[in-house]
Amino acid sequence: MNAPQPPVSTGPEGRKKTLWLVLLAALLGTAAGLAAVYGIGGLQRNGAAKEADAACEGAIAVAKKLEPLARGEVAAFSTATTPRRLPDLKFTNAEGKPVTLADFRGKVTLLNLWATWCVPCRKEMPALDALEGKLGGTDFAVLAINLDTGDRAKPKKFLGEIGVRHLAYFEDSTTDVFQDLKRYGRSIIGLPATVLIGRDGCELGVLPGPAEWSSEDALALIRAAKGG
């Protein structure tokens, strides 16, 4: 025989209490999801910004030249004001072999973090591919790192479906690169997130959110960074 259950109030006060509990549960569930994707606990513990690096003073001079070019399709681009070197991020290539950010030293690099569940990420991927096709080479690269944590085949399938031809595939299913950049101290709060990095590994600027990376505005910005 089942144990008797306490009576449920169906009056106005009871309905309000029930609605409040439902909303609370939804908020807790959302917070848990964010913690799983972005590692919120770790970010709070490691939130201190990296100290200035005197060796990156040259990058600040280049960043100042880029300020007038942060307009139009890349108006959200924020140039670096403190000389800082990015951490040596670790991820893997399409074959699962380890790669680090240091492997791109000597090139101006547009680091982009994305995931298939991120709708703006999916929308800007063709533009990133076009940018790599137009300017990619010995002195510039688009480094797009996928952060999907589930089906490892899904991101590759997505890129194939939209006809990506120029971007090399990189991934980090641990999402450590996102956490490392948050710990580094830049205004990266979600995906997509893009950081422009000089040949010396020093930050030139950051753009939170999506952008039309194959636009004339973006091309002018990247060309100026390459010439700096």
C-alpha atoms as a PDB file:
ATOM      1  CA  MET A   1       0.000   0.000   0.000  1.00  0.00           C
ATOM      2  CA  ASN A   2       1.403   3.397  -0.944  1.00  0.00           C
ATOM      3  CA  ALA A   3       2.173   5.906   1.784  1.00  0.00           C
ATOM      4  CA  PRO A   4      -0.303   8.767   1.960  1.00  0.00           C
ATOM      5  CA  GLN A   5       0.798  11.939   0.179  1.00  0.00           C
ATOM      6  CA  PRO A   6       0.404  15.433   1.636  1.00  0.00           C
ATOM      7  CA  PRO A   7      -2.491  17.385   0.145  1.00  0.00           C
ATOM      8  CA  VAL A   8      -1.651  19.703  -2.779  1.00  0.00           C
ATOM      9  CA  SER A   9      -3.137  23.158  -2.608  1.00  0.00           C
ATOM     10  CA  THR A  10      -4.949  24.134  -5.776  1.00  0.00           C
ATOM     11  CA  GLY A  11      -5.722  27.667  -4.653  1.00  0.00           C
ATOM     12  CA  PRO A  12      -3.952  30.819  -5.893  1.00  0.00           C
ATOM     13  CA  GLU A  13      -1.212  30.577  -3.261  1.00  0.00           C
ATOM     14  CA  GLY A  14      -0.575  26.919  -4.057  1.00  0.00           C
ATOM     15  CA  ARG A  15      -0.311  27.618  -7.771  1.00  0.00           C
ATOM     16  CA  LYS A  16       2.124  30.474  -7.148  1.00  0.00           C
ATOM     17  CA  LYS A  17       4.300  28.235  -4.999  1.00  0.00           C
ATOM     18  CA  THR A  18       4.278  25.493  -7.621  1.00  0.00           C
ATOM     19  CA  LEU A  19       5.210  27.968 -10.381  1.00  0.00           C
ATOM     20  CA  TRP A  20       8.049  29.351  -8.264  1.00  0.00           C
ATOM     21  CA  LEU A  21       9.449  25.863  -7.719  1.00  0.00           C
ATOM     22  CA  VAL A  22       9.275  25.100 -11.444  1.00  0.00           C
ATOM     23  CA  LEU A  23      11.124  28.317 -12.304  1.00  0.00           C
ATOM     24  CA  LEU A  24      13.755  27.625  -9.667  1.00  0.00           C
ATOM     25  CA  ALA A  25      14.341  24.147 -11.061  1.00  0.00           C
ATOM     26  CA  ALA A  26      14.681  25.572 -14.581  1.00  0.00           C
ATOM     27  CA  LEU A  27      17.228  28.143 -13.430  1.00  0.00           C
ATOM     28  CA  LEU A  28      19.251  25.511 -11.594  1.00  0.00           C
ATOM     29  CA  GLY A  29      19.201  23.306 -14.669  1.00  0.00           C
ATOM     30  CA  THR A  30      20.431  26.146 -16.871  1.00  0.00           C
ATOM     31  CA  ALA A  31      23.239  26.933 -14.447  1.00  0.00           C
ATOM     32  CA  ALA A  32      24.293  23.291 -14.406  1.00  0.00           C
ATOM     33  CA  GLY A  33      24.368  23.232 -18.197  1.00  0.00           C
ATOM     34  CA  LEU A  34      26.529  26.338 -18.362  1.00  0.00           C
ATOM     35  CA  ALA A  35      28.890  24.897 -15.787  1.00  0.00           C
ATOM     36  CA  ALA A  36      29.273  21.751 -17.849  1.00  0.00           C
ATOM     37  CA  VAL A  37      30.008  23.619 -21.084  1.00  0.00           C
ATOM     38  CA  TYR A  38      32.104  26.510 -19.850  1.00  0.00           C
ATOM     39  CA  GLY A  39      33.570  25.137 -16.626  1.00  0.00           C
ATOM     40  CA  ILE A  40      32.218  28.041 -14.578  1.00  0.00           C
ATOM     41  CA  GLY A  41      33.666  26.771 -11.311  1.00  0.00           C
ATOM     42  CA  GLY A  42      37.165  26.641 -12.744  1.00  0.00           C
ATOM     43  CA  LEU A  43      36.798  30.065 -14.338  1.00  0.00           C
ATOM     44  CA  GLN A  44      35.848  31.651 -11.031  1.00  0.00           C
ATOM     45  CA  ARG A  45      38.879  30.115  -9.340  1.00  0.00           C
ATOM     46  CA  ASN A  46      41.249  31.139 -12.116  1.00  0.00           C
ATOM     47  CA  GLY A  47      39.883  34.530 -13.144  1.00  0.00           C
ATOM     48  CA  ALA A  48      43.016  36.646 -12.667  1.00  0.00           C
ATOM     49  CA  ALA A  49      44.259  38.390 -15.798  1.00  0.00           C
ATOM     50  CA  LYS A  50      47.731  37.607 -17.056  1.00  0.00           C
ATOM     51  CA  GLU A  51      50.343  40.219 -16.214  1.00  0.00           C
ATOM     52  CA  ALA A  52      51.766  42.534 -18.866  1.00  0.00           C
ATOM     53  CA  ASP A  53      54.608  41.145 -20.968  1.00  0.00           C
ATOM     54  CA  ALA A  54      57.192  43.750 -21.922  1.00  0.00           C
ATOM     55  CA  ALA A  55      58.196  41.641 -24.924  1.00  0.00           C
ATOM     56  CA  CYS A  56      54.746  42.350 -26.404  1.00  0.00           C
ATOM     57  CA  GLU A  57      55.083  46.146 -26.518  1.00  0.00           C
ATOM     58  CA  GLY A  58      55.414  45.940 -30.296  1.00  0.00           C
ATOM     59  CA  ALA A  59      51.986  44.311 -30.521  1.00  0.00           C
ATOM     60  CA  ILE A  60      50.427  47.322 -28.788  1.00  0.00           C
ATOM     61  CA  ALA A  61      51.924  49.613 -31.436  1.00  0.00           C
ATOM     62  CA  VAL A  62      50.348  47.443 -34.131  1.00  0.00           C
ATOM     63  CA  ALA A  63      47.041  47.351 -32.232  1.00  0.00           C
ATOM     64  CA  LYS A  64      46.904  51.158 -32.196  1.00  0.00           C
ATOM     65  CA  LYS A  65      47.182  51.147 -35.989  1.00  0.00           C
ATOM     66  CA  LEU A  66      44.217  48.780 -36.129  1.00  0.00           C
ATOM     67  CA  GLU A  67      41.900  50.998 -34.061  1.00  0.00           C
ATOM     68  CA  PRO A  68      40.561  53.048 -37.007  1.00  0.00           C
ATOM     69  CA  LEU A  69      39.814  49.798 -38.866  1.00  0.00           C
ATOM     70  CA  ALA A  70      37.500  48.444 -36.160  1.00  0.00           C
ATOM     71  CA  ARG A  71      34.391  49.541 -38.030  1.00  0.00           C
ATOM     72  CA  GLY A  72      31.505  48.243 -40.085  1.00  0.00           C
ATOM     73  CA  GLU A  73      31.369  44.444 -39.991  1.00  0.00           C
ATOM     74  CA  VAL A  74      34.166  44.299 -37.399  1.00  0.00           C
ATOM     75  CA  ALA A  75      33.111  47.294 -35.290  1.00  0.00           C
ATOM     76  CA  ALA A  76      33.000  45.047 -32.198  1.00  0.00           C
ATOM     77  CA  PHE A  77      36.749  44.348 -32.502  1.00  0.00           C
ATOM     78  CA  SER A  78      38.513  45.641 -29.386  1.00  0.00           C
ATOM     79  CA  THR A  79      42.226  46.350 -29.790  1.00  0.00           C
ATOM     80  CA  ALA A  80      44.687  45.305 -27.101  1.00  0.00           C
ATOM     81  CA  THR A  81      45.854  47.997 -24.696  1.00  0.00           C
ATOM     82  CA  THR A  82      48.035  45.871 -22.423  1.00  0.00           C
ATOM     83  CA  PRO A  83      51.045  43.990 -23.831  1.00  0.00           C
ATOM     84  CA  ARG A  84      50.224  40.340 -23.185  1.00  0.00           C
ATOM     85  CA  ARG A  85      51.240  37.028 -24.681  1.00  0.00           C
ATOM     86  CA  LEU A  86      48.556  34.393 -25.060  1.00  0.00           C
ATOM     87  CA  PRO A  87      48.943  31.108 -23.172  1.00  0.00           C
ATOM     88  CA  ASP A  88      50.254  28.196 -25.212  1.00  0.00           C
ATOM     89  CA  LEU A  89      46.852  26.663 -25.874  1.00  0.00           C
ATOM     90  CA  LYS A  90      46.742  22.923 -26.523  1.00  0.00           C
ATOM     91  CA  PHE A  91      44.331  21.153 -28.876  1.00  0.00           C
ATOM     92  CA  THR A  92      44.355  18.451 -31.559  1.00  0.00           C
ATOM     93  CA  ASN A  93      44.155  18.323 -35.348  1.00  0.00           C
ATOM     94  CA  ALA A  94      41.836  16.269 -37.567  1.00  0.00           C
ATOM     95  CA  GLU A  95      43.982  13.169 -37.012  1.00  0.00           C
ATOM     96  CA  GLY A  96      43.891  13.583 -33.235  1.00  0.00           C
ATOM     97  CA  LYS A  97      47.544  14.639 -33.002  1.00  0.00           C
ATOM     98  CA  PRO A  98      48.472  17.307 -30.433  1.00  0.00           C
ATOM     99  CA  VAL A  99      48.929  20.891 -31.630  1.00  0.00           C
ATOM    100  CA  THR A 100      49.744  24.056 -29.684  1.00  0.00           C
ATOM    101  CA  LEU A 101      49.332  27.745 -30.366  1.00  0.00           C
ATOM    102  CA  ALA A 102      53.115  28.007 -30.484  1.00  0.00           C
ATOM    103  CA  ASP A 103      53.020  25.994 -33.714  1.00  0.00           C
ATOM    104  CA  PHE A 104      51.518  29.091 -35.372  1.00  0.00           C
ATOM    105  CA  ARG A 105      54.266  31.428 -34.225  1.00  0.00           C
ATOM    106  CA  GLY A 106      55.538  33.509 -37.129  1.00  0.00           C
ATOM    107  CA  LYS A 107      52.039  33.974 -38.576  1.00  0.00           C
ATOM    108  CA  VAL A 108      49.344  36.502 -37.784  1.00  0.00           C
ATOM    109  CA  THR A 109      46.631  34.177 -36.479  1.00  0.00           C
ATOM    110  CA  LEU A 110      42.893  34.645 -36.143  1.00  0.00           C
ATOM    111  CA  LEU A 111      41.943  32.258 -33.335  1.00  0.00           C
ATOM    112  CA  ASN A 112      38.246  31.380 -33.389  1.00  0.00           C
ATOM    113  CA  LEU A 113      36.441  29.179 -30.847  1.00  0.00           C
ATOM    114  CA  TRP A 114      33.214  27.607 -32.080  1.00  0.00           C
ATOM    115  CA  ALA A 115      30.768  24.717 -31.613  1.00  0.00           C
ATOM    116  CA  THR A 116      27.997  23.191 -33.707  1.00  0.00           C
ATOM    117  CA  TRP A 117      25.370  23.926 -31.036  1.00  0.00           C
ATOM    118  CA  CYS A 118      26.234  27.641 -31.327  1.00  0.00           C
ATOM    119  CA  VAL A 119      23.985  29.121 -34.038  1.00  0.00           C
ATOM    120  CA  PRO A 120      26.098  32.300 -34.609  1.00  0.00           C
ATOM    121  CA  CYS A 121      29.184  30.072 -34.906  1.00  0.00           C
ATOM    122  CA  ARG A 122      27.547  28.041 -37.642  1.00  0.00           C
ATOM    123  CA  LYS A 123      26.498  31.190 -39.506  1.00  0.00           C
ATOM    124  CA  GLU A 124      29.969  32.769 -39.516  1.00  0.00           C
ATOM    125  CA  MET A 125      31.902  29.615 -40.472  1.00  0.00           C
ATOM    126  CA  PRO A 126      31.572  30.132 -44.268  1.00  0.00           C
ATOM    127  CA  ALA A 127      33.026  33.640 -43.858  1.00  0.00           C
ATOM    128  CA  LEU A 128      35.964  32.310 -41.854  1.00  0.00           C
ATOM    129  CA  ASP A 129      36.565  29.709 -44.551  1.00  0.00           C
ATOM    130  CA  ALA A 130      36.449  32.434 -47.217  1.00  0.00           C
ATOM    131  CA  LEU A 131      38.902  34.571 -45.220  1.00  0.00           C
ATOM    132  CA  GLU A 132      41.350  31.678 -45.037  1.00  0.00           C
ATOM    133  CA  GLY A 133      40.932  31.145 -48.774  1.00  0.00           C
ATOM    134  CA  LYS A 134      41.655  34.806 -49.552  1.00  0.00           C
ATOM    135  CA  LEU A 135      44.486  35.603 -47.132  1.00  0.00           C
ATOM    136  CA  GLY A 136      45.686  32.307 -45.670  1.00  0.00           C
ATOM    137  CA  GLY A 137      49.314  31.375 -46.330  1.00  0.00           C
ATOM    138  CA  THR A 138      52.775  31.632 -44.867  1.00  0.00           C
ATOM    139  CA  ASP A 139      52.017  34.877 -43.007  1.00  0.00           C
ATOM    140  CA  PHE A 140      48.391  34.408 -41.919  1.00  0.00           C
ATOM    141  CA  ALA A 141      46.069  31.620 -40.760  1.00  0.00           C
ATOM    142  CA  VAL A 142      42.551  31.232 -39.456  1.00  0.00           C
ATOM    143  CA  LEU A 143      42.756  28.844 -36.517  1.00  0.00           C
ATOM    144  CA  ALA A 144      39.196  27.653 -35.873  1.00  0.00           C
ATOM    145  CA  ILE A 145      38.995  25.288 -32.886  1.00  0.00           C
ATOM    146  CA  ASN A 146      35.813  23.270 -32.371  1.00  0.00           C
ATOM    147  CA  LEU A 147      34.645  22.822 -28.753  1.00  0.00           C
ATOM    148  CA  ASP A 148      31.914  20.186 -29.189  1.00  0.00           C
ATOM    149  CA  THR A 149      31.923  17.759 -26.273  1.00  0.00           C
ATOM    150  CA  GLY A 150      29.618  15.082 -27.701  1.00  0.00           C
ATOM    151  CA  ASP A 151      29.693  13.318 -31.050  1.00  0.00           C
ATOM    152  CA  ARG A 152      33.220  13.854 -32.410  1.00  0.00           C
ATOM    153  CA  ALA A 153      32.058  13.249 -35.990  1.00  0.00           C
ATOM    154  CA  LYS A 154      29.343  15.920 -35.895  1.00  0.00           C
ATOM    155  CA  PRO A 155      31.579  19.014 -36.393  1.00  0.00           C
ATOM    156  CA  LYS A 156      33.424  17.459 -39.324  1.00  0.00           C
ATOM    157  CA  LYS A 157      30.136  16.438 -40.900  1.00  0.00           C
ATOM    158  CA  PHE A 158      28.792  19.971 -40.484  1.00  0.00           C
ATOM    159  CA  LEU A 159      31.856  21.515 -42.135  1.00  0.00           C
ATOM    160  CA  GLY A 160      31.508  19.087 -45.017  1.00  0.00           C
ATOM    161  CA  GLU A 161      27.830  19.897 -45.442  1.00  0.00           C
ATOM    162  CA  ILE A 162      28.446  23.646 -45.737  1.00  0.00           C
ATOM    163  CA  GLY A 163      31.332  23.139 -48.159  1.00  0.00           C
ATOM    164  CA  VAL A 164      34.294  24.319 -46.071  1.00  0.00           C
ATOM    165  CA  ARG A 165      37.374  23.936 -48.270  1.00  0.00           C
ATOM    166  CA  HIS A 166      40.142  26.088 -46.820  1.00  0.00           C
ATOM    167  CA  LEU A 167      40.019  25.738 -43.042  1.00  0.00           C
ATOM    168  CA  ALA A 168      42.106  23.075 -41.344  1.00  0.00           C
ATOM    169  CA  TYR A 169      40.186  21.196 -38.656  1.00  0.00           C
ATOM    170  CA  PHE A 170      41.155  21.501 -34.993  1.00  0.00           C
ATOM    171  CA  GLU A 171      39.246  20.536 -31.862  1.00  0.00           C
ATOM    172  CA  ASP A 172      39.324  20.521 -28.076  1.00  0.00           C
ATOM    173  CA  SER A 173      36.545  18.390 -26.621  1.00  0.00           C
ATOM    174  CA  THR A 174      37.767  19.250 -23.087  1.00  0.00           C
ATOM    175  CA  THR A 175      37.019  22.975 -23.716  1.00  0.00           C
ATOM    176  CA  ASP A 176      40.285  23.756 -21.890  1.00  0.00           C
ATOM    177  CA  VAL A 177      41.216  26.370 -24.505  1.00  0.00           C
ATOM    178  CA  PHE A 178      38.101  28.352 -23.592  1.00  0.00           C
ATOM    179  CA  GLN A 179      38.928  28.171 -19.891  1.00  0.00           C
ATOM    180  CA  ASP A 180      42.562  29.115 -20.507  1.00  0.00           C
ATOM    181  CA  LEU A 181      41.506  32.221 -22.440  1.00  0.00           C
ATOM    182  CA  LYS A 182      39.077  33.188 -19.668  1.00  0.00           C
ATOM    183  CA  ARG A 183      41.846  32.788 -17.113  1.00  0.00           C
ATOM    184  CA  TYR A 184      44.039  34.897 -19.369  1.00  0.00           C
ATOM    185  CA  GLY A 185      41.651  37.736 -18.626  1.00  0.00           C
ATOM    186  CA  ARG A 186      40.031  38.842 -21.882  1.00  0.00           C
ATOM    187  CA  SER A 187      36.327  39.574 -22.311  1.00  0.00           C
ATOM    188  CA  ILE A 188      35.396  36.140 -23.613  1.00  0.00           C
ATOM    189  CA  ILE A 189      32.047  35.105 -22.162  1.00  0.00           C
ATOM    190  CA  GLY A 190      30.649  32.749 -24.782  1.00  0.00           C
ATOM    191  CA  LEU A 191      30.882  31.481 -28.334  1.00  0.00           C
ATOM    192  CA  PRO A 192      31.897  32.406 -30.895  1.00  0.00           C
ATOM    193  CA  ALA A 193      34.988  34.152 -29.562  1.00  0.00           C
ATOM    194  CA  THR A 194      37.816  35.411 -31.755  1.00  0.00           C
ATOM    195  CA  VAL A 195      41.286  36.681 -30.867  1.00  0.00           C
ATOM    196  CA  LEU A 196      43.716  38.243 -33.337  1.00  0.00           C
ATOM    197  CA  ILE A 197      47.289  37.269 -32.517  1.00  0.00           C
ATOM    198  CA  GLY A 198      50.524  38.746 -33.836  1.00  0.00           C
ATOM    199  CA  ARG A 199      53.452  36.791 -35.243  1.00  0.00           C
ATOM    200  CA  ASP A 200      55.148  36.915 -31.844  1.00  0.00           C
ATOM    201  CA  GLY A 201      52.199  35.262 -30.073  1.00  0.00           C
ATOM    202  CA  CYS A 202      51.032  38.538 -28.528  1.00  0.00           C
ATOM    203  CA  GLU A 203      47.429  39.713 -28.562  1.00  0.00           C
ATOM    204  CA  LEU A 204      46.369  42.362 -31.068  1.00  0.00           C
ATOM    205  CA  GLY A 205      42.674  42.386 -30.185  1.00  0.00           C
ATOM    206  CA  VAL A 206      39.539  40.402 -29.479  1.00  0.00           C
ATOM    207  CA  LEU A 207      36.056  40.221 -30.950  1.00  0.00           C
ATOM    208  CA  PRO A 208      33.348  38.588 -28.811  1.00  0.00           C
ATOM    209  CA  GLY A 209      30.473  37.197 -30.842  1.00  0.00           C
ATOM    210  CA  PRO A 210      30.136  36.685 -34.602  1.00  0.00           C
ATOM    211  CA  ALA A 211      31.411  38.841 -37.455  1.00  0.00           C
ATOM    212  CA  GLU A 212      31.389  38.825 -41.236  1.00  0.00           C
ATOM    213  CA  TRP A 213      35.017  37.785 -41.595  1.00  0.00           C
ATOM    214  CA  SER A 214      35.089  37.774 -45.397  1.00  0.00           C
ATOM    215  CA  SER A 215      33.856  41.380 -45.642  1.00  0.00           C
ATOM    216  CA  GLU A 216      36.011  44.241 -46.910  1.00  0.00           C
ATOM    217  CA  ASP A 217      36.113  45.633 -43.356  1.00  0.00           C
ATOM    218  CA  ALA A 218      37.552  42.383 -42.020  1.00  0.00           C
ATOM    219  CA  LEU A 219      39.995  42.004 -44.900  1.00  0.00           C
ATOM    220  CA  ALA A 220      41.320  45.534 -44.320  1.00  0.00           C
ATOM    221  CA  LEU A 221      41.804  44.768 -40.618  1.00  0.00           C
ATOM    222  CA  ILE A 222      43.696  41.539 -41.282  1.00  0.00           C
ATOM    223  CA  ARG A 223      45.846  43.055 -44.034  1.00  0.00           C
ATOM    224  CA  ALA A 224      46.846  45.876 -41.694  1.00  0.00           C
ATOM    225  CA  ALA A 225      47.738  43.348 -38.984  1.00  0.00           C
ATOM    226  CA  LYS A 226      49.890  41.426 -41.447  1.00  0.00           C
ATOM    227  CA  GLY A 227      51.681  44.579 -42.516  1.00  0.00           C
ATOM    228  CA  GLY A 228      52.294  45.746 -38.960  1.00  0.00           C
END
